Amino acid sequence: MSDHAHFLPFDTLPEVSRGNGIVNYPIAGRKQGARAMHTGITMLPVDVPAPPHVHNAEEQVTVLEGRVKIRLGEREQVCGRLDSTFIAAGVEHELVNVGDAPAWVLVVYGTPDVTRTFVATGETVAIGSDADRFTN
């Protein structure tokens, strides 16, 4: 078996606080041997946004649980269980949990070298780095 094939039970994934109560659970990236993707599960607390940002890569978001208002450019929609989005690189977007319990989303990026640029500050950070924090 390849060193780059893994079973990744959720309870073994690292829990990474990203600020404002948002928690990421990285799944596949460079650390696991990924060469063409970066994936993870994110928990969004009620009424807490992942503020406006853009990425250098394509992104797919699927709501696993809860209700998440997702803004893509000038359009927005409340997405529920198993609803998905496709977001091209460079498209400004924002997610906020509009439900009454934590929301869970699966995020897939089209490169393991994905960055996030925060609209409010213009700061660009590597996804998953210590600087990749959501703050008020």
Protein backbone atom coordinates (compact mmCIF):
# COMPACT_ATOMS: atom_id res chain seq x y z
CA MET A 1 0.00 0.00 0.00
CA SER A 2 1.20 3.49 -0.81
CA ASP A 3 2.39 5.78 1.96
CA HIS A 4 -0.03 8.27 0.40
CA ALA A 5 -3.24 6.33 0.96
CA HIS A 6 -4.91 6.84 4.31
CA PHE A 7 -8.07 6.08 6.22
CA LEU A 8 -8.92 9.30 8.06
CA PRO A 9 -11.62 8.72 10.69
CA PHE A 10 -13.10 12.02 11.84
CA ASP A 11 -12.17 11.43 15.49
CA THR A 12 -8.48 11.20 14.49
CA LEU A 13 -8.39 14.50 12.58
CA PRO A 14 -6.60 17.41 14.25
CA GLU A 15 -8.88 20.13 15.65
CA VAL A 16 -7.58 23.56 14.63
CA SER A 17 -9.12 26.71 16.10
CA ARG A 18 -9.37 29.49 13.52
CA GLY A 19 -10.78 32.19 15.82
CA ASN A 20 -14.31 33.34 16.71
CA GLY A 21 -15.19 29.74 17.59
CA ILE A 22 -14.60 28.45 14.04
CA VAL A 23 -12.84 25.08 14.03
CA ASN A 24 -11.18 23.34 11.07
CA TYR A 25 -10.49 19.63 10.79
CA PRO A 26 -7.89 19.20 8.00
CA ILE A 27 -8.34 16.04 5.94
CA ALA A 28 -6.08 15.91 2.87
CA GLY A 29 -3.23 18.24 2.04
CA ARG A 30 0.52 18.17 1.49
CA LYS A 31 1.01 16.52 4.90
CA GLN A 32 -0.98 13.48 3.72
CA GLY A 33 0.73 13.43 0.32
CA ALA A 34 -1.94 15.30 -1.67
CA ARG A 35 -0.61 16.83 -4.88
CA ALA A 36 -3.81 18.26 -6.38
CA MET A 37 -6.15 19.16 -3.51
CA HIS A 38 -6.58 20.46 0.00
CA THR A 39 -9.69 19.39 1.95
CA GLY A 40 -11.19 19.74 5.36
CA ILE A 41 -14.32 20.01 7.46
CA THR A 42 -15.18 23.29 9.16
CA MET A 43 -17.53 23.89 12.09
CA LEU A 44 -19.20 27.31 12.12
CA PRO A 45 -20.87 28.46 15.37
CA VAL A 46 -24.28 30.17 15.16
CA ASP A 47 -24.13 33.74 13.75
CA VAL A 48 -20.35 33.63 13.28
CA PRO A 49 -19.11 34.48 9.76
CA ALA A 50 -16.12 33.29 7.86
CA PRO A 51 -15.61 36.89 6.69
CA PRO A 52 -15.22 38.04 3.06
CA HIS A 53 -12.19 36.51 1.39
CA VAL A 54 -10.88 35.11 -1.88
CA HIS A 55 -8.66 32.14 -2.74
CA ASN A 56 -6.01 31.51 -5.37
CA ALA A 57 -7.72 28.20 -6.25
CA GLU A 58 -11.12 26.79 -7.08
CA GLU A 59 -13.21 25.80 -4.06
CA GLN A 60 -16.18 23.54 -3.51
CA VAL A 61 -18.22 23.82 -0.30
CA THR A 62 -20.86 21.28 0.77
CA VAL A 63 -23.04 21.85 3.83
CA LEU A 64 -23.04 18.63 5.87
CA GLU A 65 -25.27 19.89 8.70
CA GLY A 66 -27.03 23.15 9.46
CA ARG A 67 -28.01 26.24 7.50
CA VAL A 68 -25.29 28.42 6.04
CA LYS A 69 -25.83 31.67 4.20
CA ILE A 70 -23.21 31.76 1.48
CA ARG A 71 -22.46 34.93 -0.45
CA LEU A 72 -20.73 34.48 -3.81
CA GLY A 73 -19.85 37.90 -5.20
CA GLU A 74 -23.12 39.83 -5.20
CA ARG A 75 -25.37 36.75 -4.88
CA GLU A 76 -26.30 34.95 -1.69
CA GLN A 77 -28.32 31.92 -0.77
CA VAL A 78 -29.08 29.94 2.37
CA CYS A 79 -27.78 26.43 1.85
CA GLY A 80 -28.88 23.39 3.81
CA ARG A 81 -27.79 19.79 4.22
CA LEU A 82 -25.95 18.49 1.14
CA ASP A 83 -26.27 21.76 -0.81
CA SER A 84 -23.01 22.67 -2.53
CA THR A 85 -21.29 25.60 -4.18
CA PHE A 86 -18.52 25.93 -6.73
CA ILE A 87 -16.37 29.04 -6.32
CA ALA A 88 -13.82 29.98 -8.97
CA ALA A 89 -10.44 31.32 -7.89
CA GLY A 90 -10.61 35.05 -7.10
CA VAL A 91 -14.36 35.18 -6.37
CA GLU A 92 -15.11 37.03 -3.13
CA HIS A 93 -17.25 34.97 -0.78
CA GLU A 94 -18.45 34.76 2.81
CA LEU A 95 -20.17 32.07 4.89
CA VAL A 96 -22.28 32.54 8.02
CA ASN A 97 -24.20 30.00 10.06
CA VAL A 98 -27.84 31.21 10.11
CA GLY A 99 -29.20 28.14 11.89
CA ASP A 100 -29.75 27.49 15.58
CA ALA A 101 -26.96 24.91 16.05
CA PRO A 102 -23.38 24.56 14.85
CA ALA A 103 -23.08 24.10 11.08
CA TRP A 104 -20.62 21.74 9.45
CA VAL A 105 -19.22 22.16 5.94
CA LEU A 106 -16.86 20.11 3.78
CA VAL A 107 -14.40 22.28 1.85
CA VAL A 108 -12.36 21.11 -1.14
CA TYR A 109 -9.71 23.29 -2.82
CA GLY A 110 -8.16 22.56 -6.20
CA THR A 111 -4.56 22.80 -4.99
CA PRO A 112 -2.69 21.87 -1.82
CA ASP A 113 -1.02 25.30 -2.00
CA VAL A 114 -4.19 27.31 -1.42
CA THR A 115 -4.15 30.81 0.04
CA ARG A 116 -6.82 33.03 1.56
CA THR A 117 -6.83 36.80 1.04
CA PHE A 118 -8.95 38.67 3.58
CA VAL A 119 -10.94 41.41 1.85
CA ALA A 120 -10.96 43.72 4.88
CA THR A 121 -7.16 43.85 5.18
CA GLY A 122 -5.79 42.56 1.86
CA GLU A 123 -3.61 40.15 3.85
CA THR A 124 -2.87 36.85 2.08
CA VAL A 125 -2.14 33.76 4.19
CA ALA A 126 -1.61 30.08 3.52
CA ILE A 127 -4.68 28.00 4.35
CA GLY A 128 -4.10 26.17 7.61
CA SER A 129 -1.19 28.36 8.68
CA ASP A 130 -1.05 30.06 12.07
CA ALA A 131 -1.94 33.35 10.30
CA ASP A 132 -5.14 31.80 8.86
CA ARG A 133 -7.41 33.19 11.57
CA PHE A 134 -10.89 34.69 11.54
CA THR A 135 -11.07 37.64 13.90
CA ASN A 136 -13.51 40.48 14.49
